[in-house]
């Protein structure tokens, strides 16, 4: 779509398309929108290293009932853009925010990469290196991100949720499952015979709520990981609440392989006066 050139209404709907872009380049995508209001993408099947990009002044967009894969055919992930760290099903950093509803995403380096304002609901993400990443822009920068994720499923990703720069975030009723296999960092040379790294990686997060969310299964680092801040930096999570969050590490199939893994990893990096845990299991 053309660049946004003002405040005039420009709303449209893209519906019932099957789109394929089989080029192996970072911008080989299906739909890119950089301007408009109340744009809808629905009931589409997209196969490309970049399914949808919503950028700039694309306000109040919604992507719903869509199916995303990085390439056609087979389970060989060597050509999925994971080794190159570039394939992304949905990149959403539109100025007016947007919603992702009832989508199925499988096999990307990043399932959903977002900045600014985003709401994800009833969306399943499986076998991606990173499921949902809050903070990075498509241009390579980073912005504070207001993310909500309600009623979804994440399974067999290396990193299920990465809060790189999240403010006023809410994660609610999201099932996070760590399997005994996951996406390796380099599928061209590695096989998927080890669990993922962690369920939730918290790097910068504040004024956020995590509720009614189980993080269960096998992980190399831990179920919920609070990342070590840089020297003199702020704690990774402040002014936030964990309510009925269950972290259960199940590494019995990998005896002695991940001795430093914990259900709640990095608790020593928190200021416990600035984070509240209510009805959680042994944080």
Foldseek 3Di string as FASTA:
>chain_A
DDAADDDDADEDEAEQEEEEFLDQDLPREGEEDAAHEAYEYEHYEYAALEYYEYHHAHAAYEYEHYEYHPHDDDDQLQSSCLLVLRREDYEEEHPREYEYYQYEEERHQEDYEYEAEYEYEAYEYEQHQEYYEYFAHPVGHGHEYAYEYYQYEYEQHQEDYEDQHYEAYEYYNYEAEWEQFHHDSRSVPDHGRHTHAEHYEQQAYENYEYEPYEQDEAHLAAHYEFDAHDVVDAGSYFQYEYYQYEFYHDPPVPPPPRVNYYHYHPPVSDDPVGYYYYNYPDD
